């Protein structure tokens, strides 16, 4: 593989998880901002945080105006 990435929805990263990630062959670990990261996780150069704020705001808006939320996740083909 040219590069290896992992994606985590709710990155609890307990125990030695951050150290294991830092020492792993993974190039990058993408996590969401659904729970706060520890200082060690924030300092790990391999861990990148993706915000879900825009997506959640759009979902709430769609529910409020009675539009489809699932259509946000349908791929255009």
PDB file of N, CA and C in Angstrom:
ATOM      1  N   UNK A   1       0.834  -1.181   0.000  1.00  0.00           N
ATOM      2  CA  UNK A   1       0.000   0.000   0.000  1.00  0.00           C
ATOM      3  C   UNK A   1       0.880   1.245   0.000  1.00  0.00           C
ATOM      4  N   UNK A   2       0.404   2.259  -0.680  1.00  0.00           N
ATOM      5  CA  UNK A   2       1.116   3.535  -0.698  1.00  0.00           C
ATOM      6  C   UNK A   2       0.971   4.240   0.642  1.00  0.00           C
ATOM      7  N   UNK A   3      -0.225   4.191   1.194  1.00  0.00           N
ATOM      8  CA  UNK A   3      -0.461   4.752   2.525  1.00  0.00           C
ATOM      9  C   UNK A   3      -1.595   3.986   3.196  1.00  0.00           C
ATOM     10  N   UNK A   4      -1.617   4.058   4.516  1.00  0.00           N
ATOM     11  CA  UNK A   4      -2.650   3.362   5.282  1.00  0.00           C
ATOM     12  C   UNK A   4      -3.276   4.365   6.246  1.00  0.00           C
ATOM     13  N   UNK A   5      -4.610   4.453   6.183  1.00  0.00           N
ATOM     14  CA  UNK A   5      -5.349   5.362   7.060  1.00  0.00           C
ATOM     15  C   UNK A   5      -6.430   4.586   7.791  1.00  0.00           C
ATOM     16  N   UNK A   6      -6.753   5.050   8.989  1.00  0.00           N
ATOM     17  CA  UNK A   6      -7.865   4.482   9.755  1.00  0.00           C
ATOM     18  C   UNK A   6      -8.860   5.604  10.016  1.00  0.00           C
ATOM     19  N   UNK A   7     -10.135   5.230  10.053  1.00  0.00           N
ATOM     20  CA  UNK A   7     -11.201   6.204  10.307  1.00  0.00           C
ATOM     21  C   UNK A   7     -11.980   5.762  11.538  1.00  0.00           C
ATOM     22  N   UNK A   8     -12.176   6.685  12.487  1.00  0.00           N
ATOM     23  CA  UNK A   8     -12.841   6.369  13.744  1.00  0.00           C
ATOM     24  C   UNK A   8     -13.958   7.377  13.977  1.00  0.00           C
ATOM     25  N   UNK A   9     -15.167   6.866  14.223  1.00  0.00           N
ATOM     26  CA  UNK A   9     -16.299   7.753  14.467  1.00  0.00           C
ATOM     27  C   UNK A   9     -16.208   8.414  15.831  1.00  0.00           C
ATOM     28  N   UNK A  10     -16.117   7.631  16.880  1.00  0.00           N
ATOM     29  CA  UNK A  10     -16.034   8.150  18.249  1.00  0.00           C
ATOM     30  C   UNK A  10     -14.710   7.674  18.843  1.00  0.00           C
ATOM     31  N   UNK A  11     -13.706   8.520  18.787  1.00  0.00           N
ATOM     32  CA  UNK A  11     -12.347   8.125  19.166  1.00  0.00           C
ATOM     33  C   UNK A  11     -12.144   8.211  20.677  1.00  0.00           C
ATOM     34  N   UNK A  12     -12.503   7.149  21.391  1.00  0.00           N
ATOM     35  CA  UNK A  12     -12.301   7.118  22.841  1.00  0.00           C
ATOM     36  C   UNK A  12     -10.803   7.127  23.152  1.00  0.00           C
ATOM     37  N   UNK A  13     -10.026   6.348  22.447  1.00  0.00           N
ATOM     38  CA  UNK A  13      -8.562   6.309  22.571  1.00  0.00           C
ATOM     39  C   UNK A  13      -8.097   6.187  24.025  1.00  0.00           C
ATOM     40  N   UNK A  14      -8.562   5.158  24.686  1.00  0.00           N
ATOM     41  CA  UNK A  14      -8.208   4.930  26.088  1.00  0.00           C
ATOM     42  C   UNK A  14      -6.913   4.130  26.211  1.00  0.00           C
ATOM     43  N   UNK A  15      -6.386   4.111  27.421  1.00  0.00           N
ATOM     44  CA  UNK A  15      -5.171   3.345  27.692  1.00  0.00           C
ATOM     45  C   UNK A  15      -4.028   3.793  26.798  1.00  0.00           C
ATOM     46  N   UNK A  16      -3.306   2.831  26.226  1.00  0.00           N
ATOM     47  CA  UNK A  16      -2.145   3.171  25.401  1.00  0.00           C
ATOM     48  C   UNK A  16      -2.497   3.435  23.930  1.00  0.00           C
ATOM     49  N   UNK A  17      -3.750   3.710  23.627  1.00  0.00           N
ATOM     50  CA  UNK A  17      -4.180   3.852  22.231  1.00  0.00           C
ATOM     51  C   UNK A  17      -3.385   4.911  21.468  1.00  0.00           C
ATOM     52  N   UNK A  18      -3.203   6.078  22.060  1.00  0.00           N
ATOM     53  CA  UNK A  18      -2.491   7.156  21.357  1.00  0.00           C
ATOM     54  C   UNK A  18      -1.042   6.756  21.103  1.00  0.00           C
ATOM     55  N   UNK A  19      -0.403   6.172  22.096  1.00  0.00           N
ATOM     56  CA  UNK A  19       0.979   5.712  21.924  1.00  0.00           C
ATOM     57  C   UNK A  19       1.049   4.631  20.844  1.00  0.00           C
ATOM     58  N   UNK A  20       0.083   3.720  20.852  1.00  0.00           N
ATOM     59  CA  UNK A  20       0.047   2.665  19.832  1.00  0.00           C
ATOM     60  C   UNK A  20      -0.115   3.258  18.437  1.00  0.00           C
ATOM     61  N   UNK A  21      -0.968   4.259  18.312  1.00  0.00           N
ATOM     62  CA  UNK A  21      -1.152   4.924  17.014  1.00  0.00           C
ATOM     63  C   UNK A  21       0.147   5.605  16.592  1.00  0.00           C
ATOM     64  N   UNK A  22       0.757   6.329  17.502  1.00  0.00           N
ATOM     65  CA  UNK A  22       1.995   7.052  17.188  1.00  0.00           C
ATOM     66  C   UNK A  22       3.098   6.112  16.720  1.00  0.00           C
ATOM     67  N   UNK A  23       3.138   4.899  17.276  1.00  0.00           N
ATOM     68  CA  UNK A  23       4.191   3.942  16.935  1.00  0.00           C
ATOM     69  C   UNK A  23       3.790   2.979  15.820  1.00  0.00           C
ATOM     70  N   UNK A  24       2.589   3.127  15.305  1.00  0.00           N
ATOM     71  CA  UNK A  24       2.086   2.192  14.297  1.00  0.00           C
ATOM     72  C   UNK A  24       2.563   2.561  12.892  1.00  0.00           C
ATOM     73  N   UNK A  25       2.274   1.673  11.958  1.00  0.00           N
ATOM     74  CA  UNK A  25       2.586   1.915  10.554  1.00  0.00           C
ATOM     75  C   UNK A  25       1.534   2.788   9.877  1.00  0.00           C
ATOM     76  N   UNK A  26       0.481   3.128  10.605  1.00  0.00           N
ATOM     77  CA  UNK A  26      -0.557   3.985  10.033  1.00  0.00           C
ATOM     78  C   UNK A  26       0.028   5.344   9.674  1.00  0.00           C
ATOM     79  N   UNK A  27      -0.363   5.852   8.511  1.00  0.00           N
ATOM     80  CA  UNK A  27       0.062   7.190   8.121  1.00  0.00           C
ATOM     81  C   UNK A  27      -0.805   8.254   8.782  1.00  0.00           C
ATOM     82  N   UNK A  28      -2.081   7.909   8.976  1.00  0.00           N
ATOM     83  CA  UNK A  28      -3.018   8.896   9.491  1.00  0.00           C
ATOM     84  C   UNK A  28      -4.215   8.191  10.112  1.00  0.00           C
ATOM     85  N   UNK A  29      -4.753   8.782  11.174  1.00  0.00           N
ATOM     86  CA  UNK A  29      -5.980   8.300  11.797  1.00  0.00           C
ATOM     87  C   UNK A  29      -6.946   9.481  11.798  1.00  0.00           C
ATOM     88  N   UNK A  30      -8.041   9.332  11.068  1.00  0.00           N
ATOM     89  CA  UNK A  30      -9.038  10.390  10.952  1.00  0.00           C
ATOM     90  C   UNK A  30     -10.130  10.113  11.977  1.00  0.00           C
ATOM     91  N   UNK A  31     -10.414  11.099  12.841  1.00  0.00           N
ATOM     92  CA  UNK A  31     -11.437  10.943  13.872  1.00  0.00           C
ATOM     93  C   UNK A  31     -12.435  12.094  13.760  1.00  0.00           C
ATOM     94  N   UNK A  32     -13.643  11.875  14.282  1.00  0.00           N
ATOM     95  CA  UNK A  32     -14.623  12.956  14.312  1.00  0.00           C
ATOM     96  C   UNK A  32     -14.521  13.702  15.638  1.00  0.00           C
ATOM     97  N   UNK A  33     -15.155  14.847  15.683  1.00  0.00           N
ATOM     98  CA  UNK A  33     -15.130  15.673  16.891  1.00  0.00           C
ATOM     99  C   UNK A  33     -16.340  15.416  17.785  1.00  0.00           C
ATOM    100  N   UNK A  34     -16.846  14.185  17.772  1.00  0.00           N
ATOM    101  CA  UNK A  34     -18.042  13.863  18.551  1.00  0.00           C
ATOM    102  C   UNK A  34     -17.766  13.739  20.041  1.00  0.00           C
ATOM    103  N   UNK A  35     -16.519  13.482  20.416  1.00  0.00           N
ATOM    104  CA  UNK A  35     -16.118  13.509  21.826  1.00  0.00           C
ATOM    105  C   UNK A  35     -14.764  14.219  21.911  1.00  0.00           C
ATOM    106  N   UNK A  36     -14.478  14.870  23.034  1.00  0.00           N
ATOM    107  CA  UNK A  36     -13.200  15.581  23.161  1.00  0.00           C
ATOM    108  C   UNK A  36     -12.016  14.610  23.180  1.00  0.00           C
ATOM    109  N   UNK A  37     -10.934  15.030  22.569  1.00  0.00           N
ATOM    110  CA  UNK A  37      -9.704  14.237  22.590  1.00  0.00           C
ATOM    111  C   UNK A  37      -8.853  14.641  23.788  1.00  0.00           C
ATOM    112  N   UNK A  38      -8.074  13.705  24.254  1.00  0.00           N
ATOM    113  CA  UNK A  38      -7.124  13.995  25.332  1.00  0.00           C
ATOM    114  C   UNK A  38      -6.026  14.903  24.780  1.00  0.00           C
ATOM    115  N   UNK A  39      -5.296  15.590  25.653  1.00  0.00           N
ATOM    116  CA  UNK A  39      -4.162  16.394  25.179  1.00  0.00           C
ATOM    117  C   UNK A  39      -3.158  15.559  24.378  1.00  0.00           C
ATOM    118  N   UNK A  40      -2.905  14.336  24.813  1.00  0.00           N
ATOM    119  CA  UNK A  40      -1.962  13.467  24.088  1.00  0.00           C
ATOM    120  C   UNK A  40      -2.466  13.174  22.680  1.00  0.00           C
ATOM    121  N   UNK A  41      -3.756  12.929  22.540  1.00  0.00           N
ATOM    122  CA  UNK A  41      -4.330  12.657  21.220  1.00  0.00           C
ATOM    123  C   UNK A  41      -4.271  13.904  20.345  1.00  0.00           C
ATOM    124  N   UNK A  42      -4.543  15.061  20.931  1.00  0.00           N
ATOM    125  CA  UNK A  42      -4.472  16.314  20.163  1.00  0.00           C
ATOM    126  C   UNK A  42      -3.047  16.592  19.696  1.00  0.00           C
ATOM    127  N   UNK A  43      -2.063  16.164  20.479  1.00  0.00           N
ATOM    128  CA  UNK A  43      -0.658  16.402  20.134  1.00  0.00           C
ATOM    129  C   UNK A  43      -0.089  15.378  19.157  1.00  0.00           C
ATOM    130  N   UNK A  44      -0.774  14.263  18.972  1.00  0.00           N
ATOM    131  CA  UNK A  44      -0.282  13.210  18.075  1.00  0.00           C
ATOM    132  C   UNK A  44      -0.412  13.675  16.626  1.00  0.00           C
ATOM    133  N   UNK A  45       0.698  13.709  15.911  1.00  0.00           N
ATOM    134  CA  UNK A  45       0.691  14.221  14.537  1.00  0.00           C
ATOM    135  C   UNK A  45      -0.044  13.310  13.559  1.00  0.00           C
ATOM    136  N   UNK A  46      -0.263  12.062  13.928  1.00  0.00           N
ATOM    137  CA  UNK A  46      -0.973  11.137  13.043  1.00  0.00           C
ATOM    138  C   UNK A  46      -2.491  11.261  13.158  1.00  0.00           C
ATOM    139  N   UNK A  47      -2.983  11.887  14.215  1.00  0.00           N
ATOM    140  CA  UNK A  47      -4.425  11.977  14.442  1.00  0.00           C
ATOM    141  C   UNK A  47      -4.952  13.296  13.890  1.00  0.00           C
ATOM    142  N   UNK A  48      -5.908  13.202  12.971  1.00  0.00           N
ATOM    143  CA  UNK A  48      -6.546  14.374  12.359  1.00  0.00           C
ATOM    144  C   UNK A  48      -8.026  14.370  12.717  1.00  0.00           C
ATOM    145  N   UNK A  49      -8.551  15.522  13.107  1.00  0.00           N
ATOM    146  CA  UNK A  49      -9.947  15.640  13.528  1.00  0.00           C
ATOM    147  C   UNK A  49     -10.775  16.253  12.403  1.00  0.00           C
ATOM    148  N   UNK A  50     -11.918  15.621  12.128  1.00  0.00           N
ATOM    149  CA  UNK A  50     -12.869  16.127  11.142  1.00  0.00           C
ATOM    150  C   UNK A  50     -14.120  16.566  11.893  1.00  0.00           C
ATOM    151  N   UNK A  51     -14.548  17.793  11.653  1.00  0.00           N
ATOM    152  CA  UNK A  51     -15.730  18.321  12.330  1.00  0.00           C
ATOM    153  C   UNK A  51     -17.008  17.819  11.664  1.00  0.00           C
ATOM    154  N   UNK A  52     -17.971  17.458  12.495  1.00  0.00           N
ATOM    155  CA  UNK A  52     -19.287  17.058  11.998  1.00  0.00           C
ATOM    156  C   UNK A  52     -20.307  18.183  12.138  1.00  0.00           C
ATOM    157  N   UNK A  53     -19.871  19.376  12.534  1.00  0.00           N
ATOM    158  CA  UNK A  53     -20.777  20.483  12.820  1.00  0.00           C
ATOM    159  C   UNK A  53     -21.686  20.815  11.640  1.00  0.00           C
ATOM    160  N   UNK A  54     -21.133  20.959  10.454  1.00  0.00           N
ATOM    161  CA  UNK A  54     -21.947  21.321   9.283  1.00  0.00           C
ATOM    162  C   UNK A  54     -22.969  20.237   8.963  1.00  0.00           C
ATOM    163  N   UNK A  55     -22.537  18.978   9.018  1.00  0.00           N
ATOM    164  CA  UNK A  55     -23.448  17.881   8.710  1.00  0.00           C
ATOM    165  C   UNK A  55     -24.580  17.795   9.729  1.00  0.00           C
ATOM    166  N   UNK A  56     -24.252  17.920  11.006  1.00  0.00           N
ATOM    167  CA  UNK A  56     -25.285  17.866  12.039  1.00  0.00           C
ATOM    168  C   UNK A  56     -26.236  19.049  11.927  1.00  0.00           C
ATOM    169  N   UNK A  57     -25.710  20.227  11.634  1.00  0.00           N
ATOM    170  CA  UNK A  57     -26.567  21.403  11.460  1.00  0.00           C
ATOM    171  C   UNK A  57     -27.526  21.202  10.296  1.00  0.00           C
ATOM    172  N   UNK A  58     -27.017  20.653   9.200  1.00  0.00           N
ATOM    173  CA  UNK A  58     -27.866  20.391   8.034  1.00  0.00           C
ATOM    174  C   UNK A  58     -28.937  19.353   8.364  1.00  0.00           C
ATOM    175  N   UNK A  59     -28.575  18.324   9.098  1.00  0.00           N
ATOM    176  CA  UNK A  59     -29.550  17.293   9.476  1.00  0.00           C
ATOM    177  C   UNK A  59     -30.648  17.879  10.360  1.00  0.00           C
ATOM    178  N   UNK A  60     -30.270  18.701  11.324  1.00  0.00           N
ATOM    179  CA  UNK A  60     -31.259  19.336  12.200  1.00  0.00           C
ATOM    180  C   UNK A  60     -32.179  20.246  11.393  1.00  0.00           C
ATOM    181  N   UNK A  61     -31.602  20.999  10.485  1.00  0.00           N
ATOM    182  CA  UNK A  61     -32.404  21.888   9.629  1.00  0.00           C
ATOM    183  C   UNK A  61     -33.405  21.081   8.814  1.00  0.00           C
ATOM    184  N   UNK A  62     -32.947  19.982   8.213  1.00  0.00           N
ATOM    185  CA  UNK A  62     -33.837  19.164   7.389  1.00  0.00           C
ATOM    186  C   UNK A  62     -34.981  18.564   8.209  1.00  0.00           C
ATOM    187  N   UNK A  63     -34.685  18.117   9.413  1.00  0.00           N
ATOM    188  CA  UNK A  63     -35.743  17.588  10.277  1.00  0.00           C
ATOM    189  C   UNK A  63     -36.760  18.687  10.568  1.00  0.00           C
ATOM    190  N   UNK A  64     -36.261  19.876  10.853  1.00  0.00           N
ATOM    191  CA  UNK A  64     -37.122  21.004  11.197  1.00  0.00           C
ATOM    192  C   UNK A  64     -38.044  21.410  10.047  1.00  0.00           C
ATOM    193  N   UNK A  65     -37.556  21.336   8.820  1.00  0.00           N
ATOM    194  CA  UNK A  65     -38.385  21.724   7.671  1.00  0.00           C
ATOM    195  C   UNK A  65     -38.975  20.509   6.953  1.00  0.00           C
ATOM    196  N   UNK A  66     -38.910  19.359   7.630  1.00  0.00           N
ATOM    197  CA  UNK A  66     -39.507  18.110   7.153  1.00  0.00           C
ATOM    198  C   UNK A  66     -38.977  17.670   5.787  1.00  0.00           C
ATOM    199  N   UNK A  67     -37.658  17.768   5.628  1.00  0.00           N
ATOM    200  CA  UNK A  67     -36.988  17.248   4.437  1.00  0.00           C
ATOM    201  C   UNK A  67     -36.232  15.977   4.813  1.00  0.00           C
ATOM    202  N   UNK A  68     -35.838  15.237   3.807  1.00  0.00           N
ATOM    203  CA  UNK A  68     -35.141  13.975   4.012  1.00  0.00           C
ATOM    204  C   UNK A  68     -33.741  14.193   4.577  1.00  0.00           C
ATOM    205  N   UNK A  69     -33.432  13.465   5.624  1.00  0.00           N
ATOM    206  CA  UNK A  69     -32.072  13.449   6.154  1.00  0.00           C
ATOM    207  C   UNK A  69     -31.260  12.389   5.421  1.00  0.00           C
ATOM    208  N   UNK A  70     -31.885  11.273   5.105  1.00  0.00           N
ATOM    209  CA  UNK A  70     -31.158  10.181   4.445  1.00  0.00           C
ATOM    210  C   UNK A  70     -30.629  10.596   3.077  1.00  0.00           C
ATOM    211  N   UNK A  71     -31.285  11.547   2.417  1.00  0.00           N
ATOM    212  CA  UNK A  71     -30.801  11.980   1.104  1.00  0.00           C
ATOM    213  C   UNK A  71     -29.445  12.680   1.202  1.00  0.00           C
ATOM    214  N   UNK A  72     -29.062  13.097   2.385  1.00  0.00           N
ATOM    215  CA  UNK A  72     -27.735  13.688   2.573  1.00  0.00           C
ATOM    216  C   UNK A  72     -26.637  12.654   2.355  1.00  0.00           C
ATOM    217  N   UNK A  73     -26.972  11.384   2.488  1.00  0.00           N
ATOM    218  CA  UNK A  73     -25.975  10.324   2.459  1.00  0.00           C
ATOM    219  C   UNK A  73     -26.065   9.424   1.238  1.00  0.00           C
ATOM    220  N   UNK A  74     -26.894   9.773   0.291  1.00  0.00           N
ATOM    221  CA  UNK A  74     -27.034   8.996  -0.933  1.00  0.00           C
ATOM    222  C   UNK A  74     -26.002   9.507  -1.930  1.00  0.00           C
ATOM    223  N   UNK A  75     -25.233   8.582  -2.476  1.00  0.00           N
ATOM    224  CA  UNK A  75     -24.220   8.960  -3.455  1.00  0.00           C
ATOM    225  C   UNK A  75     -24.874   9.338  -4.771  1.00  0.00           C
ATOM    226  N   UNK A  76     -24.292  10.347  -5.425  1.00  0.00           N
ATOM    227  CA  UNK A  76     -24.739  10.697  -6.777  1.00  0.00           C
ATOM    228  C   UNK A  76     -24.107   9.717  -7.744  1.00  0.00           C
ATOM    229  N   UNK A  77     -24.933   9.119  -8.566  1.00  0.00           N
ATOM    230  CA  UNK A  77     -24.395   8.121  -9.510  1.00  0.00           C
ATOM    231  C   UNK A  77     -24.589   8.563 -10.919  1.00  0.00           C
TER     232      UNK A  77
END
